[in-house]
Each structure stands twice: as structure tokens, then as C-alpha cells.
């Protein structure tokens, strides 16, 4: 495992909220846990799509980045889904999504 020290600016309010959500106490543990949560979310999403026999609509890096930037609307994820419908943010950010 490669580790690199980085100097970054962090929003203190967001950090405090994320620490509270994750139950972490240090900046390092908060960042590590948050990164693991994002990777776990991606694994769950891929598993759910595979289970349902769907292609991964976010396999294309450009589409994936656009979706993360604009928020997860159904049409952003897949053009054939109803336009403009937003996924509840709790589904997107929860590790209890089931995907």
C-alpha cells in the first residue's frame, strides 16, 4: 500500500459532519473511512447491476464524473430512465443501500 502525505484545504464544517456520521476522531481515519465508503458504494452498485443483468452505465469515466458533479439524477445515470428524478440523498450516501 502506497501512502503519500498531502497538503489540502478541508471544509471544517463538512469534516465535523463526516466525522460524526462515520464515528471517526482523526482526520486520517475520517479520510480513510470516507474513501472506503465510496469504494464500497461502487462495489454495491456494480453488484446490484450485475445481479439484475444490467450493463454498468457508469463504466465510462466521463459519464461517471458528470454524474458525480451534477448529482445522481436518473437520466444522468442512464438516458432511458425518467428524466430529472433525483435519488434520495440518503440512498446515495448510505452504506445500507444494498448496492
PDB file of N, CA and C in Angstrom:
ATOM      1  N   UNK A   1       0.847  -1.171   0.000  1.00  0.00           N
ATOM      2  CA  UNK A   1       0.000   0.000   0.000  1.00  0.00           C
ATOM      3  C   UNK A   1       0.898   1.241   0.000  1.00  0.00           C
ATOM      4  N   UNK A   2       0.697   2.076  -0.987  1.00  0.00           N
ATOM      5  CA  UNK A   2       1.460   3.321  -1.082  1.00  0.00           C
ATOM      6  C   UNK A   2       0.711   4.426  -0.336  1.00  0.00           C
ATOM      7  N   UNK A   3       1.439   5.203   0.420  1.00  0.00           N
ATOM      8  CA  UNK A   3       0.856   6.307   1.172  1.00  0.00           C
ATOM      9  C   UNK A   3       1.648   7.566   0.850  1.00  0.00           C
ATOM     10  N   UNK A   4       0.930   8.650   0.565  1.00  0.00           N
ATOM     11  CA  UNK A   4       1.562   9.921   0.249  1.00  0.00           C
ATOM     12  C   UNK A   4       1.004  10.999   1.164  1.00  0.00           C
ATOM     13  N   UNK A   5       1.884  11.794   1.751  1.00  0.00           N
ATOM     14  CA  UNK A   5       1.424  12.947   2.532  1.00  0.00           C
ATOM     15  C   UNK A   5       0.967  14.018   1.562  1.00  0.00           C
ATOM     16  N   UNK A   6      -0.170  14.663   1.881  1.00  0.00           N
ATOM     17  CA  UNK A   6      -0.716  15.699   1.019  1.00  0.00           C
ATOM     18  C   UNK A   6      -1.157  16.885   1.867  1.00  0.00           C
ATOM     19  N   UNK A   7      -0.959  18.052   1.345  1.00  0.00           N
ATOM     20  CA  UNK A   7      -1.414  19.269   1.997  1.00  0.00           C
ATOM     21  C   UNK A   7      -2.664  19.725   1.246  1.00  0.00           C
ATOM     22  N   UNK A   8      -3.810  19.698   1.926  1.00  0.00           N
ATOM     23  CA  UNK A   8      -5.072  20.087   1.290  1.00  0.00           C
ATOM     24  C   UNK A   8      -5.854  21.008   2.214  1.00  0.00           C
ATOM     25  N   UNK A   9      -6.753  21.783   1.629  1.00  0.00           N
ATOM     26  CA  UNK A   9      -7.682  22.590   2.406  1.00  0.00           C
ATOM     27  C   UNK A   9      -8.940  21.765   2.610  1.00  0.00           C
ATOM     28  N   UNK A  10      -9.437  21.753   3.838  1.00  0.00           N
ATOM     29  CA  UNK A  10     -10.614  20.955   4.179  1.00  0.00           C
ATOM     30  C   UNK A  10     -11.650  21.858   4.829  1.00  0.00           C
ATOM     31  N   UNK A  11     -12.891  21.736   4.382  1.00  0.00           N
ATOM     32  CA  UNK A  11     -14.005  22.470   4.976  1.00  0.00           C
ATOM     33  C   UNK A  11     -14.246  21.898   6.373  1.00  0.00           C
ATOM     34  N   UNK A  12     -14.018  22.699   7.416  1.00  0.00           N
ATOM     35  CA  UNK A  12     -14.120  22.226   8.795  1.00  0.00           C
ATOM     36  C   UNK A  12     -15.520  21.748   9.160  1.00  0.00           C
ATOM     37  N   UNK A  13     -16.542  22.421   8.646  1.00  0.00           N
ATOM     38  CA  UNK A  13     -17.921  22.009   8.948  1.00  0.00           C
ATOM     39  C   UNK A  13     -18.233  20.655   8.321  1.00  0.00           C
ATOM     40  N   UNK A  14     -17.836  20.470   7.062  1.00  0.00           N
ATOM     41  CA  UNK A  14     -18.061  19.178   6.407  1.00  0.00           C
ATOM     42  C   UNK A  14     -17.288  18.072   7.119  1.00  0.00           C
ATOM     43  N   UNK A  15     -16.050  18.377   7.481  1.00  0.00           N
ATOM     44  CA  UNK A  15     -15.227  17.398   8.192  1.00  0.00           C
ATOM     45  C   UNK A  15     -15.900  16.975   9.493  1.00  0.00           C
ATOM     46  N   UNK A  16     -16.402  17.932  10.251  1.00  0.00           N
ATOM     47  CA  UNK A  16     -17.074  17.615  11.518  1.00  0.00           C
ATOM     48  C   UNK A  16     -18.317  16.760  11.281  1.00  0.00           C
ATOM     49  N   UNK A  17     -19.098  17.095  10.239  1.00  0.00           N
ATOM     50  CA  UNK A  17     -20.300  16.308   9.932  1.00  0.00           C
ATOM     51  C   UNK A  17     -19.939  14.892   9.512  1.00  0.00           C
ATOM     52  N   UNK A  18     -18.898  14.774   8.690  1.00  0.00           N
ATOM     53  CA  UNK A  18     -18.482  13.444   8.232  1.00  0.00           C
ATOM     54  C   UNK A  18     -17.916  12.629   9.389  1.00  0.00           C
ATOM     55  N   UNK A  19     -17.117  13.272  10.247  1.00  0.00           N
ATOM     56  CA  UNK A  19     -16.603  12.568  11.442  1.00  0.00           C
ATOM     57  C   UNK A  19     -17.749  12.032  12.278  1.00  0.00           C
ATOM     58  N   UNK A  20     -18.771  12.841  12.451  1.00  0.00           N
ATOM     59  CA  UNK A  20     -19.927  12.424  13.227  1.00  0.00           C
ATOM     60  C   UNK A  20     -20.641  11.240  12.564  1.00  0.00           C
ATOM     61  N   UNK A  21     -20.831  11.322  11.250  1.00  0.00           N
ATOM     62  CA  UNK A  21     -21.501  10.240  10.523  1.00  0.00           C
ATOM     63  C   UNK A  21     -20.715   8.935  10.580  1.00  0.00           C
ATOM     64  N   UNK A  22     -19.399   9.048  10.442  1.00  0.00           N
ATOM     65  CA  UNK A  22     -18.556   7.856  10.385  1.00  0.00           C
ATOM     66  C   UNK A  22     -18.092   7.380  11.757  1.00  0.00           C
ATOM     67  N   UNK A  23     -18.222   8.229  12.762  1.00  0.00           N
ATOM     68  CA  UNK A  23     -17.769   7.857  14.099  1.00  0.00           C
ATOM     69  C   UNK A  23     -16.252   7.834  14.214  1.00  0.00           C
ATOM     70  N   UNK A  24     -15.585   8.685  13.443  1.00  0.00           N
ATOM     71  CA  UNK A  24     -14.128   8.744  13.475  1.00  0.00           C
ATOM     72  C   UNK A  24     -13.688   9.943  14.315  1.00  0.00           C
ATOM     73  N   UNK A  25     -12.408   9.931  14.712  1.00  0.00           N
ATOM     74  CA  UNK A  25     -11.932  11.016  15.571  1.00  0.00           C
ATOM     75  C   UNK A  25     -10.778  11.803  14.974  1.00  0.00           C
ATOM     76  N   UNK A  26     -10.044  11.201  14.049  1.00  0.00           N
ATOM     77  CA  UNK A  26      -8.904  11.909  13.460  1.00  0.00           C
ATOM     78  C   UNK A  26      -9.161  12.200  11.990  1.00  0.00           C
ATOM     79  N   UNK A  27      -8.436  13.172  11.467  1.00  0.00           N
ATOM     80  CA  UNK A  27      -8.549  13.499  10.049  1.00  0.00           C
ATOM     81  C   UNK A  27      -8.183  12.280   9.204  1.00  0.00           C
ATOM     82  N   UNK A  28      -7.103  11.616   9.543  1.00  0.00           N
ATOM     83  CA  UNK A  28      -6.655  10.451   8.770  1.00  0.00           C
ATOM     84  C   UNK A  28      -7.714   9.353   8.768  1.00  0.00           C
ATOM     85  N   UNK A  29      -8.264   9.030   9.930  1.00  0.00           N
ATOM     86  CA  UNK A  29      -9.271   7.965   9.972  1.00  0.00           C
ATOM     87  C   UNK A  29     -10.543   8.378   9.244  1.00  0.00           C
ATOM     88  N   UNK A  30     -10.884   9.656   9.298  1.00  0.00           N
ATOM     89  CA  UNK A  30     -12.072  10.143   8.587  1.00  0.00           C
ATOM     90  C   UNK A  30     -11.891  10.020   7.084  1.00  0.00           C
ATOM     91  N   UNK A  31     -10.749  10.466   6.581  1.00  0.00           N
ATOM     92  CA  UNK A  31     -10.487  10.381   5.140  1.00  0.00           C
ATOM     93  C   UNK A  31     -10.405   8.922   4.701  1.00  0.00           C
ATOM     94  N   UNK A  32      -9.683   8.086   5.442  1.00  0.00           N
ATOM     95  CA  UNK A  32      -9.568   6.667   5.080  1.00  0.00           C
ATOM     96  C   UNK A  32     -10.933   5.991   5.049  1.00  0.00           C
ATOM     97  N   UNK A  33     -11.746   6.250   6.080  1.00  0.00           N
ATOM     98  CA  UNK A  33     -13.069   5.626   6.153  1.00  0.00           C
ATOM     99  C   UNK A  33     -13.982   6.155   5.049  1.00  0.00           C
ATOM    100  N   UNK A  34     -13.927   7.453   4.772  1.00  0.00           N
ATOM    101  CA  UNK A  34     -14.751   8.026   3.707  1.00  0.00           C
ATOM    102  C   UNK A  34     -14.372   7.433   2.351  1.00  0.00           C
ATOM    103  N   UNK A  35     -13.075   7.281   2.104  1.00  0.00           N
ATOM    104  CA  UNK A  35     -12.636   6.676   0.844  1.00  0.00           C
ATOM    105  C   UNK A  35     -13.110   5.225   0.748  1.00  0.00           C
ATOM    106  N   UNK A  36     -13.027   4.485   1.835  1.00  0.00           N
ATOM    107  CA  UNK A  36     -13.527   3.102   1.841  1.00  0.00           C
ATOM    108  C   UNK A  36     -15.025   3.050   1.581  1.00  0.00           C
ATOM    109  N   UNK A  37     -15.773   3.999   2.141  1.00  0.00           N
ATOM    110  CA  UNK A  37     -17.217   4.051   1.913  1.00  0.00           C
ATOM    111  C   UNK A  37     -17.545   4.277   0.432  1.00  0.00           C
ATOM    112  N   UNK A  38     -16.809   5.159  -0.219  1.00  0.00           N
ATOM    113  CA  UNK A  38     -17.032   5.429  -1.642  1.00  0.00           C
ATOM    114  C   UNK A  38     -16.724   4.171  -2.454  1.00  0.00           C
ATOM    115  N   UNK A  39     -15.622   3.496  -2.132  1.00  0.00           N
ATOM    116  CA  UNK A  39     -15.275   2.263  -2.844  1.00  0.00           C
ATOM    117  C   UNK A  39     -16.310   1.168  -2.589  1.00  0.00           C
ATOM    118  N   UNK A  40     -16.800   1.079  -1.361  1.00  0.00           N
ATOM    119  CA  UNK A  40     -17.834   0.085  -1.036  1.00  0.00           C
ATOM    120  C   UNK A  40     -19.132   0.400  -1.768  1.00  0.00           C
ATOM    121  N   UNK A  41     -19.476   1.677  -1.866  1.00  0.00           N
ATOM    122  CA  UNK A  41     -20.674   2.090  -2.604  1.00  0.00           C
ATOM    123  C   UNK A  41     -20.568   1.653  -4.061  1.00  0.00           C
ATOM    124  N   UNK A  42     -19.400   1.846  -4.651  1.00  0.00           N
ATOM    125  CA  UNK A  42     -19.192   1.438  -6.036  1.00  0.00           C
ATOM    126  C   UNK A  42     -19.320  -0.081  -6.180  1.00  0.00           C
ATOM    127  N   UNK A  43     -18.767  -0.848  -5.232  1.00  0.00           N
ATOM    128  CA  UNK A  43     -18.890  -2.317  -5.288  1.00  0.00           C
ATOM    129  C   UNK A  43     -20.347  -2.752  -5.182  1.00  0.00           C
ATOM    130  N   UNK A  44     -21.103  -2.124  -4.264  1.00  0.00           N
ATOM    131  CA  UNK A  44     -22.519  -2.474  -4.114  1.00  0.00           C
ATOM    132  C   UNK A  44     -23.309  -2.141  -5.371  1.00  0.00           C
ATOM    133  N   UNK A  45     -23.034  -0.974  -5.961  1.00  0.00           N
ATOM    134  CA  UNK A  45     -23.733  -0.567  -7.182  1.00  0.00           C
ATOM    135  C   UNK A  45     -23.460  -1.552  -8.307  1.00  0.00           C
ATOM    136  N   UNK A  46     -22.195  -1.921  -8.488  1.00  0.00           N
ATOM    137  CA  UNK A  46     -21.839  -2.869  -9.545  1.00  0.00           C
ATOM    138  C   UNK A  46     -22.468  -4.240  -9.313  1.00  0.00           C
ATOM    139  N   UNK A  47     -22.472  -4.687  -8.065  1.00  0.00           N
ATOM    140  CA  UNK A  47     -23.071  -5.989  -7.742  1.00  0.00           C
ATOM    141  C   UNK A  47     -24.566  -5.985  -8.027  1.00  0.00           C
ATOM    142  N   UNK A  48     -25.242  -4.905  -7.668  1.00  0.00           N
ATOM    143  CA  UNK A  48     -26.674  -4.805  -7.921  1.00  0.00           C
ATOM    144  C   UNK A  48     -26.969  -4.817  -9.415  1.00  0.00           C
ATOM    145  N   UNK A  49     -26.200  -4.048 -10.172  1.00  0.00           N
ATOM    146  CA  UNK A  49     -26.398  -4.037 -11.626  1.00  0.00           C
ATOM    147  C   UNK A  49     -26.155  -5.420 -12.223  1.00  0.00           C
ATOM    148  N   UNK A  50     -25.097  -6.082 -11.804  1.00  0.00           N
ATOM    149  CA  UNK A  50     -24.788  -7.417 -12.323  1.00  0.00           C
ATOM    150  C   UNK A  50     -25.886  -8.405 -11.953  1.00  0.00           C
ATOM    151  N   UNK A  51     -26.372  -8.318 -10.729  1.00  0.00           N
ATOM    152  CA  UNK A  51     -27.431  -9.210 -10.261  1.00  0.00           C
ATOM    153  C   UNK A  51     -28.694  -9.052 -11.098  1.00  0.00           C
ATOM    154  N   UNK A  52     -28.951  -7.834 -11.540  1.00  0.00           N
ATOM    155  CA  UNK A  52     -30.152  -7.554 -12.327  1.00  0.00           C
ATOM    156  C   UNK A  52     -29.910  -7.652 -13.831  1.00  0.00           C
ATOM    157  N   UNK A  53     -28.689  -8.030 -14.209  1.00  0.00           N
ATOM    158  CA  UNK A  53     -28.376  -8.227 -15.618  1.00  0.00           C
ATOM    159  C   UNK A  53     -28.218  -6.955 -16.426  1.00  0.00           C
ATOM    160  N   UNK A  54     -27.874  -5.854 -15.763  1.00  0.00           N
ATOM    161  CA  UNK A  54     -27.704  -4.577 -16.454  1.00  0.00           C
ATOM    162  C   UNK A  54     -26.233  -4.285 -16.700  1.00  0.00           C
ATOM    163  N   UNK A  55     -25.965  -3.581 -17.789  1.00  0.00           N
ATOM    164  CA  UNK A  55     -24.622  -3.052 -18.005  1.00  0.00           C
ATOM    165  C   UNK A  55     -24.382  -1.946 -17.006  1.00  0.00           C
ATOM    166  N   UNK A  56     -23.141  -1.690 -16.711  1.00  0.00           N
ATOM    167  CA  UNK A  56     -22.799  -0.610 -15.795  1.00  0.00           C
ATOM    168  C   UNK A  56     -22.833   0.711 -16.553  1.00  0.00           C
ATOM    169  N   UNK A  57     -23.865   1.555 -16.332  1.00  0.00           N
ATOM    170  CA  UNK A  57     -23.954   2.810 -17.071  1.00  0.00           C
ATOM    171  C   UNK A  57     -22.866   3.810 -16.675  1.00  0.00           C
ATOM    172  N   UNK A  58     -22.176   3.539 -15.574  1.00  0.00           N
ATOM    173  CA  UNK A  58     -21.127   4.449 -15.132  1.00  0.00           C
ATOM    174  C   UNK A  58     -19.740   3.906 -15.420  1.00  0.00           C
ATOM    175  N   UNK A  59     -19.646   2.909 -16.281  1.00  0.00           N
ATOM    176  CA  UNK A  59     -18.339   2.355 -16.634  1.00  0.00           C
ATOM    177  C   UNK A  59     -17.503   3.376 -17.401  1.00  0.00           C
ATOM    178  N   UNK A  60     -18.173   4.229 -18.154  1.00  0.00           N
ATOM    179  CA  UNK A  60     -17.470   5.276 -18.890  1.00  0.00           C
ATOM    180  C   UNK A  60     -17.027   6.360 -17.908  1.00  0.00           C
ATOM    181  N   UNK A  61     -15.725   6.621 -17.786  1.00  0.00           N
ATOM    182  CA  UNK A  61     -15.235   7.602 -16.802  1.00  0.00           C
ATOM    183  C   UNK A  61     -15.818   9.002 -16.971  1.00  0.00           C
ATOM    184  N   UNK A  62     -16.028   9.450 -18.208  1.00  0.00           N
ATOM    185  CA  UNK A  62     -16.592  10.780 -18.427  1.00  0.00           C
ATOM    186  C   UNK A  62     -18.014  10.879 -17.896  1.00  0.00           C
ATOM    187  N   UNK A  63     -18.820   9.844 -18.153  1.00  0.00           N
ATOM    188  CA  UNK A  63     -20.203   9.832 -17.667  1.00  0.00           C
ATOM    189  C   UNK A  63     -20.222   9.778 -16.138  1.00  0.00           C
ATOM    190  N   UNK A  64     -19.353   8.949 -15.560  1.00  0.00           N
ATOM    191  CA  UNK A  64     -19.295   8.816 -14.106  1.00  0.00           C
ATOM    192  C   UNK A  64     -18.944  10.157 -13.448  1.00  0.00           C
ATOM    193  N   UNK A  65     -17.950  10.843 -13.994  1.00  0.00           N
ATOM    194  CA  UNK A  65     -17.560  12.140 -13.432  1.00  0.00           C
ATOM    195  C   UNK A  65     -18.684  13.158 -13.561  1.00  0.00           C
ATOM    196  N   UNK A  66     -19.383  13.145 -14.687  1.00  0.00           N
ATOM    197  CA  UNK A  66     -20.505  14.072 -14.882  1.00  0.00           C
ATOM    198  C   UNK A  66     -21.606  13.796 -13.870  1.00  0.00           C
ATOM    199  N   UNK A  67     -21.887  12.543 -13.609  1.00  0.00           N
ATOM    200  CA  UNK A  67     -22.927  12.181 -12.652  1.00  0.00           C
ATOM    201  C   UNK A  67     -22.542  12.632 -11.251  1.00  0.00           C
ATOM    202  N   UNK A  68     -21.289  12.406 -10.860  1.00  0.00           N
ATOM    203  CA  UNK A  68     -20.850  12.838  -9.531  1.00  0.00           C
ATOM    204  C   UNK A  68     -20.935  14.353  -9.401  1.00  0.00           C
ATOM    205  N   UNK A  69     -20.619  15.079 -10.464  1.00  0.00           N
ATOM    206  CA  UNK A  69     -20.656  16.542 -10.412  1.00  0.00           C
ATOM    207  C   UNK A  69     -22.082  17.077 -10.309  1.00  0.00           C
ATOM    208  N   UNK A  70     -22.993  16.524 -11.114  1.00  0.00           N
ATOM    209  CA  UNK A  70     -24.345  17.081 -11.172  1.00  0.00           C
ATOM    210  C   UNK A  70     -25.301  16.442 -10.183  1.00  0.00           C
ATOM    211  N   UNK A  71     -24.909  15.401  -9.527  1.00  0.00           N
ATOM    212  CA  UNK A  71     -25.805  14.693  -8.617  1.00  0.00           C
ATOM    213  C   UNK A  71     -26.448  13.538  -9.353  1.00  0.00           C
ATOM    214  N   UNK A  72     -26.879  12.563  -8.614  1.00  0.00           N
ATOM    215  CA  UNK A  72     -27.417  11.365  -9.238  1.00  0.00           C
ATOM    216  C   UNK A  72     -28.875  11.548  -9.629  1.00  0.00           C
ATOM    217  N   UNK A  73     -29.095  12.018 -10.841  1.00  0.00           N
ATOM    218  CA  UNK A  73     -30.444  12.022 -11.392  1.00  0.00           C
ATOM    219  C   UNK A  73     -30.551  10.764 -12.232  1.00  0.00           C
ATOM    220  N   UNK A  74     -31.742  10.247 -12.354  1.00  0.00           N
ATOM    221  CA  UNK A  74     -31.903   9.001 -13.093  1.00  0.00           C
ATOM    222  C   UNK A  74     -31.465   9.137 -14.540  1.00  0.00           C
ATOM    223  N   UNK A  75     -31.764  10.263 -15.169  1.00  0.00           N
ATOM    224  CA  UNK A  75     -31.384  10.420 -16.574  1.00  0.00           C
ATOM    225  C   UNK A  75     -29.876  10.562 -16.731  1.00  0.00           C
ATOM    226  N   UNK A  76     -29.203  11.080 -15.706  1.00  0.00           N
ATOM    227  CA  UNK A  76     -27.741  11.186 -15.774  1.00  0.00           C
ATOM    228  C   UNK A  76     -27.104   9.812 -15.687  1.00  0.00           C
ATOM    229  N   UNK A  77     -27.738   8.911 -14.941  1.00  0.00           N
ATOM    230  CA  UNK A  77     -27.202   7.563 -14.799  1.00  0.00           C
ATOM    231  C   UNK A  77     -27.451   6.770 -16.071  1.00  0.00           C
ATOM    232  N   UNK A  78     -28.657   6.844 -16.577  1.00  0.00           N
ATOM    233  CA  UNK A  78     -28.999   6.089 -17.782  1.00  0.00           C
ATOM    234  C   UNK A  78     -30.046   6.866 -18.565  1.00  0.00           C
ATOM    235  N   UNK A  79     -29.778   7.159 -19.849  1.00  0.00           N
ATOM    236  CA  UNK A  79     -30.686   8.009 -20.629  1.00  0.00           C
ATOM    237  C   UNK A  79     -32.112   7.480 -20.758  1.00  0.00           C
ATOM    238  N   UNK A  80     -32.321   6.178 -20.622  1.00  0.00           N
ATOM    239  CA  UNK A  80     -33.673   5.641 -20.794  1.00  0.00           C
ATOM    240  C   UNK A  80     -34.510   5.755 -19.525  1.00  0.00           C
ATOM    241  N   UNK A  81     -33.918   6.136 -18.420  1.00  0.00           N
ATOM    242  CA  UNK A  81     -34.671   6.274 -17.175  1.00  0.00           C
ATOM    243  C   UNK A  81     -35.370   7.624 -17.155  1.00  0.00           C
ATOM    244  N   UNK A  82     -36.441   7.771 -16.371  1.00  0.00           N
ATOM    245  CA  UNK A  82     -37.206   9.031 -16.367  1.00  0.00           C
ATOM    246  C   UNK A  82     -36.325  10.237 -16.069  1.00  0.00           C
ATOM    247  N   UNK A  83     -36.484  11.268 -16.865  1.00  0.00           N
ATOM    248  CA  UNK A  83     -35.633  12.458 -16.743  1.00  0.00           C
ATOM    249  C   UNK A  83     -35.915  13.223 -15.462  1.00  0.00           C
ATOM    250  N   UNK A  84     -34.844  13.701 -14.848  1.00  0.00           N
ATOM    251  CA  UNK A  84     -34.964  14.630 -13.737  1.00  0.00           C
ATOM    252  C   UNK A  84     -35.260  14.039 -12.379  1.00  0.00           C
ATOM    253  N   UNK A  85     -35.592  12.778 -12.294  1.00  0.00           N
ATOM    254  CA  UNK A  85     -35.885  12.186 -10.989  1.00  0.00           C
ATOM    255  C   UNK A  85     -34.583  12.059 -10.207  1.00  0.00           C
ATOM    256  N   UNK A  86     -34.573  12.569  -9.003  1.00  0.00           N
ATOM    257  CA  UNK A  86     -33.365  12.514  -8.180  1.00  0.00           C
ATOM    258  C   UNK A  86     -33.480  11.354  -7.198  1.00  0.00           C
ATOM    259  N   UNK A  87     -32.360  10.692  -6.994  1.00  0.00           N
ATOM    260  CA  UNK A  87     -32.309   9.646  -5.981  1.00  0.00           C
ATOM    261  C   UNK A  87     -32.253  10.333  -4.621  1.00  0.00           C
ATOM    262  N   UNK A  88     -32.958   9.820  -3.631  1.00  0.00           N
ATOM    263  CA  UNK A  88     -32.849  10.402  -2.288  1.00  0.00           C
ATOM    264  C   UNK A  88     -31.397  10.382  -1.825  1.00  0.00           C
ATOM    265  N   UNK A  89     -30.930  11.491  -1.278  1.00  0.00           N
ATOM    266  CA  UNK A  89     -29.524  11.582  -0.898  1.00  0.00           C
ATOM    267  C   UNK A  89     -29.160  10.538   0.139  1.00  0.00           C
ATOM    268  N   UNK A  90     -30.110  10.120   0.958  1.00  0.00           N
ATOM    269  CA  UNK A  90     -29.809   9.080   1.949  1.00  0.00           C
ATOM    270  C   UNK A  90     -29.449   7.767   1.253  1.00  0.00           C
ATOM    271  N   UNK A  91     -30.083   7.463   0.114  1.00  0.00           N
ATOM    272  CA  UNK A  91     -29.753   6.251  -0.629  1.00  0.00           C
ATOM    273  C   UNK A  91     -28.355   6.349  -1.192  1.00  0.00           C
ATOM    274  N   UNK A  92     -28.018   7.528  -1.705  1.00  0.00           N
ATOM    275  CA  UNK A  92     -26.731   7.715  -2.361  1.00  0.00           C
ATOM    276  C   UNK A  92     -25.604   7.595  -1.355  1.00  0.00           C
ATOM    277  N   UNK A  93     -25.776   8.178  -0.193  1.00  0.00           N
ATOM    278  CA  UNK A  93     -24.666   8.303   0.752  1.00  0.00           C
ATOM    279  C   UNK A  93     -24.680   7.242   1.846  1.00  0.00           C
ATOM    280  N   UNK A  94     -25.681   6.370   1.876  1.00  0.00           N
ATOM    281  CA  UNK A  94     -25.768   5.395   2.949  1.00  0.00           C
ATOM    282  C   UNK A  94     -25.066   4.103   2.587  1.00  0.00           C
ATOM    283  N   UNK A  95     -24.396   3.515   3.553  1.00  0.00           N
ATOM    284  CA  UNK A  95     -23.772   2.216   3.316  1.00  0.00           C
ATOM    285  C   UNK A  95     -24.806   1.110   3.426  1.00  0.00           C
ATOM    286  N   UNK A  96     -26.058   1.464   3.724  1.00  0.00           N
ATOM    287  CA  UNK A  96     -27.120   0.472   3.853  1.00  0.00           C
ATOM    288  C   UNK A  96     -27.979   0.417   2.600  1.00  0.00           C
ATOM    289  N   UNK A  97     -27.415   0.834   1.488  1.00  0.00           N
ATOM    290  CA  UNK A  97     -28.165   0.864   0.229  1.00  0.00           C
ATOM    291  C   UNK A  97     -28.518  -0.518  -0.274  1.00  0.00           C
ATOM    292  N   UNK A  98     -27.655  -1.462   0.008  1.00  0.00           N
ATOM    293  CA  UNK A  98     -27.818  -2.781  -0.590  1.00  0.00           C
ATOM    294  C   UNK A  98     -27.157  -2.854  -1.946  1.00  0.00           C
ATOM    295  N   UNK A  99     -26.459  -1.784  -2.353  1.00  0.00           N
ATOM    296  CA  UNK A  99     -25.709  -1.846  -3.609  1.00  0.00           C
ATOM    297  C   UNK A  99     -24.465  -1.058  -3.537  1.00  0.00           C
TER     298      UNK A  99
END
